Amino acid sequence: MSWGGAVAAMVSSLKNNARVKRTKIFNSEHKGGYRNEPTNGKKVSKEALAAIKSEIKSRAARRKRRQIAALFLSLIIALFE
């Protein structure tokens, strides 16, 4: 049983030593996206931004309705089987 404590101490020591090597996000320029490219500061008009927001909200509402319908359908099927 004493071997497990030694292994746990070794693992925690390795983790603590690895923390020092990590770079901090505040020390480097922040990069966005999946490919580590800098973000673009594109400007959008207020009308276009409102249209984009309404489109996103409508997609979310449709997705939520589909999920609720699928849930009820699966519950009905599960109850009658």
N, C-alpha and C. Protein backbone atom coordinates (compact mmCIF):
# COMPACT_ATOMS: atom_id res chain seq x y z
N MET A 1 0.81 -1.20 0.00
CA MET A 1 0.00 0.00 0.00
C MET A 1 0.85 1.26 0.00
N SER A 2 2.08 1.17 0.51
CA SER A 2 2.91 2.36 0.57
C SER A 2 3.42 2.78 -0.80
N TRP A 3 3.41 1.86 -1.76
CA TRP A 3 3.91 2.17 -3.09
C TRP A 3 3.01 3.20 -3.77
N GLY A 4 1.71 3.16 -3.52
CA GLY A 4 0.77 4.09 -4.14
C GLY A 4 1.02 5.52 -3.73
N GLY A 5 1.39 5.72 -2.46
CA GLY A 5 1.69 7.08 -2.00
C GLY A 5 2.93 7.64 -2.67
N ALA A 6 3.93 6.80 -2.88
CA ALA A 6 5.16 7.24 -3.54
C ALA A 6 4.87 7.62 -4.99
N VAL A 7 4.04 6.84 -5.65
CA VAL A 7 3.70 7.13 -7.04
C VAL A 7 2.89 8.42 -7.13
N ALA A 8 1.96 8.63 -6.20
CA ALA A 8 1.17 9.86 -6.21
C ALA A 8 2.06 11.08 -5.98
N ALA A 9 3.04 10.95 -5.09
CA ALA A 9 3.96 12.06 -4.85
C ALA A 9 4.80 12.34 -6.09
N MET A 10 5.22 11.29 -6.79
CA MET A 10 6.01 11.46 -8.00
C MET A 10 5.18 12.16 -9.08
N VAL A 11 3.93 11.76 -9.25
CA VAL A 11 3.07 12.36 -10.28
C VAL A 11 2.82 13.83 -9.95
N SER A 12 2.54 14.14 -8.69
CA SER A 12 2.30 15.54 -8.35
C SER A 12 3.57 16.37 -8.51
N SER A 13 4.72 15.79 -8.23
CA SER A 13 5.99 16.51 -8.43
C SER A 13 6.21 16.81 -9.91
N LEU A 14 5.90 15.85 -10.78
CA LEU A 14 6.05 16.07 -12.23
C LEU A 14 5.09 17.16 -12.72
N LYS A 15 3.86 17.15 -12.20
CA LYS A 15 2.90 18.19 -12.58
C LYS A 15 3.37 19.57 -12.15
N ASN A 16 3.87 19.67 -10.92
CA ASN A 16 4.33 20.97 -10.42
C ASN A 16 5.53 21.47 -11.19
N ASN A 17 6.42 20.59 -11.61
CA ASN A 17 7.57 21.01 -12.40
C ASN A 17 7.17 21.44 -13.80
N ALA A 18 6.13 20.84 -14.36
CA ALA A 18 5.68 21.19 -15.70
C ALA A 18 4.98 22.54 -15.71
N ARG A 19 4.41 22.95 -14.59
CA ARG A 19 3.69 24.22 -14.54
C ARG A 19 4.61 25.40 -14.80
N VAL A 20 5.85 25.32 -14.39
CA VAL A 20 6.79 26.42 -14.55
C VAL A 20 7.10 26.66 -16.03
N LYS A 21 7.08 25.60 -16.83
CA LYS A 21 7.45 25.70 -18.24
C LYS A 21 6.35 26.28 -19.11
N ARG A 22 5.11 26.29 -18.62
CA ARG A 22 4.00 26.80 -19.42
C ARG A 22 4.13 28.30 -19.64
N THR A 23 3.73 28.73 -20.82
CA THR A 23 3.75 30.16 -21.10
C THR A 23 2.41 30.76 -20.68
N LYS A 24 2.46 31.93 -20.20
CA LYS A 24 1.26 32.61 -19.77
C LYS A 24 0.64 33.33 -20.96
N ILE A 25 -0.68 33.43 -20.98
CA ILE A 25 -1.36 34.11 -22.07
C ILE A 25 -1.10 35.61 -22.02
N PHE A 26 -0.83 36.13 -20.83
CA PHE A 26 -0.61 37.56 -20.71
C PHE A 26 0.78 37.97 -21.18
N ASN A 27 1.70 37.03 -21.30
CA ASN A 27 3.06 37.35 -21.73
C ASN A 27 3.19 37.35 -23.24
N SER A 28 2.22 36.85 -23.97
CA SER A 28 2.31 36.80 -25.42
C SER A 28 1.10 37.49 -26.03
N GLU A 29 1.18 37.74 -27.31
CA GLU A 29 0.06 38.35 -28.01
C GLU A 29 -1.06 37.33 -28.13
N HIS A 30 -2.28 37.74 -27.79
CA HIS A 30 -3.42 36.82 -27.84
C HIS A 30 -3.78 36.52 -29.28
N LYS A 31 -3.91 35.25 -29.57
CA LYS A 31 -4.29 34.83 -30.91
C LYS A 31 -5.61 34.10 -30.81
N GLY A 32 -6.49 34.37 -31.75
CA GLY A 32 -7.80 33.75 -31.72
C GLY A 32 -7.97 32.72 -32.81
N GLY A 33 -9.03 31.98 -32.74
CA GLY A 33 -9.34 30.99 -33.76
C GLY A 33 -8.63 29.68 -33.51
N TYR A 34 -8.76 28.77 -34.47
CA TYR A 34 -8.20 27.44 -34.34
C TYR A 34 -6.78 27.37 -34.88
N ARG A 35 -6.38 28.31 -35.72
CA ARG A 35 -5.08 28.21 -36.36
C ARG A 35 -4.07 29.18 -35.78
N ASN A 36 -4.35 29.75 -34.63
CA ASN A 36 -3.46 30.69 -33.95
C ASN A 36 -3.12 31.90 -34.81
N GLU A 37 -4.07 32.34 -35.59
CA GLU A 37 -3.89 33.56 -36.36
C GLU A 37 -4.45 34.73 -35.56
N PRO A 38 -3.86 35.90 -35.71
CA PRO A 38 -4.42 37.05 -34.97
C PRO A 38 -5.82 37.37 -35.46
N THR A 39 -6.65 37.87 -34.56
CA THR A 39 -8.02 38.18 -34.92
C THR A 39 -8.08 39.47 -35.72
N ASN A 40 -9.06 39.57 -36.58
CA ASN A 40 -9.27 40.77 -37.38
C ASN A 40 -10.30 41.64 -36.71
N GLY A 41 -10.03 42.92 -36.66
CA GLY A 41 -10.98 43.84 -36.05
C GLY A 41 -11.94 44.40 -37.07
N LYS A 42 -12.72 43.53 -37.71
CA LYS A 42 -13.65 43.97 -38.75
C LYS A 42 -14.81 44.72 -38.12
N LYS A 43 -15.22 45.78 -38.75
CA LYS A 43 -16.33 46.59 -38.27
C LYS A 43 -17.60 46.23 -39.02
N VAL A 44 -18.70 46.15 -38.28
CA VAL A 44 -19.99 45.83 -38.86
C VAL A 44 -20.96 46.93 -38.44
N SER A 45 -21.81 47.32 -39.37
CA SER A 45 -22.79 48.36 -39.04
C SER A 45 -23.80 47.81 -38.04
N LYS A 46 -24.48 48.72 -37.34
CA LYS A 46 -25.44 48.31 -36.32
C LYS A 46 -26.60 47.54 -36.93
N GLU A 47 -27.03 47.93 -38.13
CA GLU A 47 -28.14 47.24 -38.78
C GLU A 47 -27.74 45.82 -39.15
N ALA A 48 -26.52 45.66 -39.70
CA ALA A 48 -26.06 44.32 -40.08
C ALA A 48 -25.86 43.46 -38.84
N LEU A 49 -25.37 44.06 -37.76
CA LEU A 49 -25.18 43.32 -36.52
C LEU A 49 -26.52 42.86 -35.95
N ALA A 50 -27.53 43.71 -36.03
CA ALA A 50 -28.87 43.33 -35.56
C ALA A 50 -29.43 42.20 -36.41
N ALA A 51 -29.19 42.24 -37.72
CA ALA A 51 -29.67 41.17 -38.60
C ALA A 51 -28.97 39.86 -38.28
N ILE A 52 -27.69 39.93 -38.03
CA ILE A 52 -26.93 38.72 -37.69
C ILE A 52 -27.42 38.14 -36.37
N LYS A 53 -27.64 39.00 -35.38
CA LYS A 53 -28.12 38.54 -34.08
C LYS A 53 -29.50 37.89 -34.20
N SER A 54 -30.39 38.51 -34.97
CA SER A 54 -31.73 37.94 -35.11
C SER A 54 -31.67 36.59 -35.83
N GLU A 55 -30.79 36.46 -36.80
CA GLU A 55 -30.63 35.18 -37.51
C GLU A 55 -30.13 34.09 -36.56
N ILE A 56 -29.17 34.43 -35.73
CA ILE A 56 -28.63 33.46 -34.76
C ILE A 56 -29.71 33.06 -33.76
N LYS A 57 -30.49 34.03 -33.29
CA LYS A 57 -31.56 33.72 -32.34
C LYS A 57 -32.63 32.85 -32.97
N SER A 58 -32.97 33.10 -34.22
CA SER A 58 -34.00 32.28 -34.87
C SER A 58 -33.49 30.86 -35.10
N ARG A 59 -32.22 30.70 -35.46
CA ARG A 59 -31.66 29.36 -35.61
C ARG A 59 -31.69 28.62 -34.28
N ALA A 60 -31.35 29.31 -33.20
CA ALA A 60 -31.35 28.68 -31.87
C ALA A 60 -32.76 28.27 -31.48
N ALA A 61 -33.75 29.10 -31.79
CA ALA A 61 -35.14 28.77 -31.45
C ALA A 61 -35.61 27.56 -32.25
N ARG A 62 -35.27 27.50 -33.55
CA ARG A 62 -35.65 26.34 -34.36
C ARG A 62 -34.99 25.07 -33.84
N ARG A 63 -33.71 25.17 -33.48
CA ARG A 63 -32.99 24.01 -32.96
C ARG A 63 -33.62 23.53 -31.66
N LYS A 64 -34.00 24.48 -30.80
CA LYS A 64 -34.62 24.11 -29.52
C LYS A 64 -35.97 23.44 -29.74
N ARG A 65 -36.76 23.96 -30.68
CA ARG A 65 -38.05 23.35 -30.98
C ARG A 65 -37.88 21.92 -31.51
N ARG A 66 -36.90 21.71 -32.38
CA ARG A 66 -36.64 20.37 -32.91
C ARG A 66 -36.23 19.42 -31.80
N GLN A 67 -35.39 19.88 -30.87
CA GLN A 67 -34.96 19.04 -29.77
C GLN A 67 -36.12 18.67 -28.86
N ILE A 68 -36.99 19.62 -28.58
CA ILE A 68 -38.14 19.34 -27.74
C ILE A 68 -39.09 18.37 -28.43
N ALA A 69 -39.30 18.55 -29.72
CA ALA A 69 -40.17 17.64 -30.47
C ALA A 69 -39.57 16.24 -30.49
N ALA A 70 -38.27 16.14 -30.68
CA ALA A 70 -37.62 14.82 -30.67
C ALA A 70 -37.72 14.17 -29.30
N LEU A 71 -37.61 14.96 -28.25
CA LEU A 71 -37.73 14.43 -26.89
C LEU A 71 -39.13 13.87 -26.65
N PHE A 72 -40.16 14.63 -27.00
CA PHE A 72 -41.53 14.17 -26.82
C PHE A 72 -41.82 12.93 -27.66
N LEU A 73 -41.32 12.92 -28.88
CA LEU A 73 -41.53 11.77 -29.74
C LEU A 73 -40.86 10.53 -29.17
N SER A 74 -39.65 10.68 -28.66
CA SER A 74 -38.95 9.53 -28.09
C SER A 74 -39.63 9.07 -26.80
N LEU A 75 -40.17 10.01 -26.02
CA LEU A 75 -40.90 9.61 -24.81
C LEU A 75 -42.18 8.85 -25.15
N ILE A 76 -42.90 9.31 -26.16
CA ILE A 76 -44.11 8.63 -26.58
C ILE A 76 -43.80 7.22 -27.08
N ILE A 77 -42.75 7.11 -27.87
CA ILE A 77 -42.34 5.79 -28.38
C ILE A 77 -41.92 4.89 -27.22
N ALA A 78 -41.19 5.44 -26.25
CA ALA A 78 -40.73 4.64 -25.12
C ALA A 78 -41.90 4.19 -24.24
N LEU A 79 -42.92 5.01 -24.12
CA LEU A 79 -44.05 4.65 -23.29
C LEU A 79 -44.91 3.54 -23.91
N PHE A 80 -45.03 3.50 -25.21
CA PHE A 80 -45.88 2.52 -25.87
C PHE A 80 -45.16 1.23 -26.22
N GLU A 81 -43.88 1.14 -25.95
CA GLU A 81 -43.18 -0.11 -26.25
C GLU A 81 -43.07 -1.00 -25.09
